[in-house]
Amino acid sequence: MKIAVVGVCCSGKTTLVEGLRSQGYDAYSVAQEHSGAKSMWARRRPDVLVVLDCEYETVRKRRSVPWGPQYLREQRYRLRHAREHCDLYIKTDHMTPQEVLKTVLEEIGGSRHVHNGEER
């Protein structure tokens, strides 16, 4: 199962991908938040698309960034197509990396994934 992970900066993409890979999944991060190509996430035809999000205050707690809230809004704008098509959207502000991983693993339920009533 291919799992694409997109999200705003500091939302936990890299950590989630590492956790999913440690569980044997073909997971990868897509730098969609930095691209104007709205369907960049779809290029590798993932079975599951996960979108991570967090607030600016959380970004600042997790990392020192040279940009302000306006750039976070721009990232969300760039991610709008992915969010419209995602299988799972997670706000990571009040979650540990382990909780985010557990949420995704519970949602995908092993090797079977159901989206809009169709098994993939």
Foldseek 3Di string as FASTA:
>chain_A
DEEEEEEFPPQCQVLLQVVVVVVPYNYDYDDQLPDQPLVSSPPVPGPFYEYGYEAQVQNVVRDPDPDDRVSSVSSVVSPVSSVVVGPYYYYCSPHDSVRVNVVVCVQCVPPWHADPRDID
